[in-house]
Protein backbone atom coordinates (compact mmCIF):
# COMPACT_ATOMS: atom_id res chain seq x y z
CA MET A 1 127.42 120.21 130.30
CA PRO A 2 126.87 116.78 128.46
CA ARG A 3 129.99 115.22 127.20
CA TRP A 4 128.37 113.49 124.24
CA ARG A 5 124.82 112.99 122.98
CA ASP A 6 123.79 109.89 121.27
CA ILE A 7 121.31 110.58 118.57
CA VAL A 8 119.73 107.18 117.96
CA GLU A 9 118.23 106.52 114.58
CA SER A 10 117.48 102.82 114.66
CA GLU A 11 114.45 102.65 116.93
CA ALA A 12 113.44 99.31 115.37
CA GLU A 13 116.23 97.62 117.15
CA THR A 14 114.59 98.14 120.51
CA SER A 15 111.17 97.08 119.42
CA GLY A 16 109.57 100.40 120.28
CA SER A 17 110.91 100.74 123.76
CA VAL A 18 113.07 103.76 122.92
CA SER A 19 111.82 107.06 121.72
CA GLY A 20 113.49 109.16 119.13
CA SER A 21 115.57 110.92 121.84
CA GLY A 22 117.02 107.66 123.06
CA THR A 23 114.84 107.46 126.15
CA GLU A 24 113.36 104.33 127.77
CA THR A 25 109.64 104.48 127.85
CA GLY A 26 109.28 103.20 131.32
CA THR A 27 106.08 101.27 130.95
CA VAL A 28 104.94 97.90 129.68
CA SER A 29 101.31 98.16 128.49
CA PRO A 30 98.82 95.40 129.22
CA SER A 31 97.72 93.39 126.26
CA ALA A 32 94.72 95.02 124.37
CA THR A 33 91.38 93.58 125.32
CA SER A 34 89.46 92.32 122.40
CA VAL A 35 85.87 93.13 121.77
CA GLY A 36 83.57 90.76 123.45
CA SER A 37 86.09 89.53 126.11
CA ALA A 38 85.17 89.03 129.70
CA ALA A 39 86.77 92.26 131.19
CA PRO A 40 89.46 94.77 130.50
CA ASP A 41 92.69 94.65 132.53
CA MET A 42 92.06 97.26 135.38
CA THR A 43 95.35 96.85 137.16
CA VAL A 44 96.99 100.20 138.13
CA LYS A 45 100.03 101.12 135.97
CA PRO A 46 102.56 103.99 136.71
CA ALA A 47 101.42 107.19 135.25
CA PRO A 48 103.32 108.46 132.13
CA GLU A 49 106.02 111.01 132.78
CA ALA A 50 108.26 113.28 130.75
CA ARG A 51 111.56 111.38 130.10
CA PRO A 52 114.84 113.26 130.10
CA GLU A 53 117.25 112.81 127.18
CA ILE A 54 119.87 110.17 127.94
CA VAL A 55 123.43 111.31 127.79
CA VAL A 56 125.73 108.66 126.57
CA GLY A 57 129.47 109.28 126.60
CA PRO A 58 132.87 108.12 127.89
CA ALA A 59 134.41 109.58 131.06
CA PRO A 60 136.79 112.52 130.47
CA GLY A 61 139.93 111.68 128.66
CA VAL A 62 138.65 108.15 127.68
CA ASP A 63 138.61 107.28 123.95
CA ILE A 64 135.59 105.17 123.20
CA SER A 65 134.31 104.51 119.69
CA ASP A 66 130.85 105.66 118.62
CA GLU A 67 130.02 101.84 117.99
CA ASP A 68 130.92 101.00 121.61
CA ARG A 69 128.96 103.87 122.98
CA GLN A 70 125.91 102.81 120.98
CA ALA A 71 126.29 99.19 121.83
CA SER A 72 126.47 100.08 125.67
CA TYR A 73 123.36 102.21 125.30
CA PHE A 74 121.20 99.43 123.60
CA PHE A 75 122.58 96.78 126.18
CA VAL A 76 121.40 98.94 129.07
CA GLN A 77 117.96 99.52 127.53
CA ARG A 78 117.58 95.69 126.82
CA PHE A 79 118.69 94.89 130.34
CA TYR A 80 116.17 97.27 131.91
CA ALA A 81 113.39 95.97 129.55
CA ALA A 82 114.14 92.35 130.59
CA LEU A 83 114.10 93.32 134.21
CA ALA A 84 110.71 94.93 133.74
CA THR A 85 109.26 91.59 132.83
CA LEU A 86 109.80 90.26 136.33
CA ASN A 87 110.84 87.03 134.70
CA ALA A 88 113.79 86.01 136.88
CA ASP A 89 114.95 82.99 134.76
CA TYR A 90 114.77 85.02 131.58
CA TRP A 91 116.51 88.03 132.99
CA VAL A 92 119.31 86.25 134.81
CA LYS A 93 120.19 83.61 132.15
CA GLY A 94 119.81 86.21 129.21
CA PHE A 95 122.33 88.85 130.69
CA PHE A 96 124.49 87.21 133.38
CA ALA A 97 127.40 84.87 133.00
CA PRO A 98 127.03 81.58 134.93
CA ASP A 99 129.45 82.73 137.61
CA ALA A 100 128.25 86.27 137.67
CA SER A 101 127.87 88.26 140.95
CA LEU A 102 125.23 90.94 141.81
CA ARG A 103 125.76 93.22 144.93
CA PHE A 104 123.51 95.97 146.27
CA THR A 105 125.47 98.78 147.88
CA ASP A 106 127.14 97.15 150.89
CA ASP A 107 125.17 93.93 150.98
CA LYS A 108 126.77 90.46 150.51
CA PRO A 109 127.06 89.60 146.73
CA VAL A 110 124.81 87.02 145.31
CA VAL A 111 126.85 84.71 143.05
CA GLY A 112 125.84 82.22 140.16
CA HIS A 113 122.81 81.72 138.15
CA ASP A 114 120.98 79.64 140.80
CA GLU A 115 121.43 82.21 143.62
CA LEU A 116 120.51 85.05 141.14
CA VAL A 117 117.27 83.44 140.16
CA THR A 118 116.25 82.59 143.64
CA ALA A 119 117.09 86.17 144.96
CA ALA A 120 115.15 87.72 142.15
CA CYS A 121 112.15 85.45 142.34
CA GLY A 122 111.96 86.41 146.04
CA GLU A 123 111.80 90.07 145.25
CA PHE A 124 109.75 89.90 142.10
CA ALA A 125 106.94 88.07 144.00
CA LEU A 126 106.46 91.13 146.03
CA LEU A 127 106.20 93.48 143.02
CA HIS A 128 103.41 94.43 140.78
CA TRP A 129 105.70 96.24 138.40
CA LEU A 130 109.31 97.53 138.32
CA ARG A 131 110.69 100.21 135.99
CA HIS A 132 114.22 101.57 135.48
CA GLU A 133 115.47 104.73 133.52
CA ALA A 134 118.97 105.59 132.57
CA HIS A 135 119.66 109.27 132.62
CA THR A 136 123.40 109.18 132.04
CA ILE A 137 125.53 106.30 130.65
CA ASP A 138 129.34 106.53 131.01
CA VAL A 139 131.33 103.94 128.92
CA LEU A 140 134.77 102.97 130.09
CA PRO A 141 137.09 100.34 128.62
CA ASP A 142 136.31 97.77 131.51
CA LYS A 143 132.92 98.80 132.71
CA THR A 144 129.69 100.82 131.98
CA LEU A 145 128.00 103.00 134.38
CA ALA A 146 124.27 103.73 134.23
CA MET A 147 122.97 106.46 136.42
CA GLY A 148 119.16 107.18 136.72
CA ARG A 149 116.37 105.91 138.86
CA ALA A 150 114.27 102.92 139.66
CA ARG A 151 110.62 102.95 140.36
CA TYR A 152 109.15 100.14 142.44
CA GLY A 153 105.48 99.21 142.39
CA PRO A 154 105.01 96.80 145.29
CA LYS A 155 101.95 94.53 145.44
CA MET A 156 98.83 96.15 146.77
CA VAL A 157 97.71 93.99 149.60
CA GLY A 158 96.38 94.52 153.10
CA GLY A 159 95.47 98.17 152.54
CA LEU A 160 99.13 99.13 152.31
CA ASP A 161 100.36 102.29 150.68
CA THR A 162 100.09 101.94 146.94
CA ALA A 163 102.33 104.82 145.92
CA PRO A 164 105.46 103.87 143.86
CA ILE A 165 108.89 104.14 145.39
CA VAL A 166 111.50 106.02 143.58
CA VAL A 167 115.21 105.50 144.07
CA ARG A 168 118.06 107.19 142.41
CA THR A 169 120.43 104.58 141.28
CA THR A 170 123.97 103.95 139.88
CA LEU A 171 124.57 100.58 138.22
CA VAL A 172 128.20 99.43 137.45
CA PHE A 173 128.21 96.81 134.71
CA HIS A 174 131.26 94.64 134.45
CA ARG A 175 131.05 92.55 131.15
CA ARG A 176 133.05 89.65 129.73
CA PRO A 177 134.78 90.72 126.61
CA GLN A 178 134.12 87.39 124.76
CA ASP A 179 130.26 87.36 124.94
CA LYS A 180 129.46 90.69 126.66
CA LEU A 181 127.55 88.82 129.47
CA ILE A 182 127.60 90.49 132.82
CA SER A 183 130.39 89.15 135.01
CA GLY A 184 129.66 91.50 137.93
CA LEU A 185 126.90 94.12 138.56
CA GLU A 186 127.00 96.64 141.50
CA VAL A 187 123.92 98.55 142.34
CA TYR A 188 124.14 101.66 144.43
CA GLY A 189 121.28 103.65 145.93
CA ASP A 190 119.19 104.28 149.07
CA PHE A 191 116.91 101.29 149.10
CA GLU A 192 115.59 101.52 152.71
CA GLN A 193 112.09 102.51 151.81
CA VAL A 194 111.93 99.63 149.32
CA ARG A 195 113.06 97.08 152.05
CA LEU A 196 110.58 98.47 154.59
CA ARG A 197 107.64 98.17 152.10
CA PHE A 198 108.80 94.70 150.95
CA ALA A 199 108.68 93.67 154.69
CA GLN A 200 105.07 94.95 154.83
CA VAL A 201 104.07 93.21 151.63
CA GLN A 202 105.65 89.91 152.77
CA ARG A 203 103.80 90.02 156.20
CA ALA A 204 100.54 90.78 154.46
CA LEU A 205 100.92 87.90 151.85
CA SER A 206 101.73 85.50 154.77
CA GLY A 207 98.72 86.33 156.61
CA GLY A 208 99.85 89.11 158.83
CA ASP A 209 98.48 92.72 158.79
CA GLY A 210 101.51 94.25 157.15
CA THR A 211 102.03 96.59 160.01
CA ALA A 212 105.29 98.22 160.04
CA PRO A 213 106.84 101.72 160.95
CA PRO A 214 105.66 104.48 158.64
CA LEU A 215 108.04 105.15 155.70
CA ALA A 216 109.71 108.42 155.88
């Protein structure tokens, strides 16, 4: 049973990235090809899917204003849209405080803009596309939790499997009160298949055959 449903009226604020039900589209379309241009963009994009309604609300017993709930909703959507650009510098410096940390599950945290940009560039170089969806957003006084899924589209090299990898995720955002930049971000999920495919792509890009144990 949803605790609270956010009916978003101002779609214009998200530049068309949010549907009337408040759902992230999950795609970034290629630029339209003009008549007479050399060739259309034939790159493979993820197939469109039905998107669930996003449930936005406070944890039970927590009093959060409608304004704060809506602000958290739009923040998460903008964060995911920036991440989908695979532009590490834009994503990191637009959303993270200079001394912010990012940690995946039990991995060692990455701290500061320089380390964050370096880490993001390393992963983005192995991806053709990346999409995130938030299905539930819980707003607390000191953090925001976004539960949903991530869809990874690794680069298609060396005859590797081209199927996207879907990971159910929970992101925990800690944001500074003065400017709302992220001071800490924790990402939870089972990323083992992503790591294995990344290793394959990295070997293929470096001249190897990309051979690795089959993904479960």
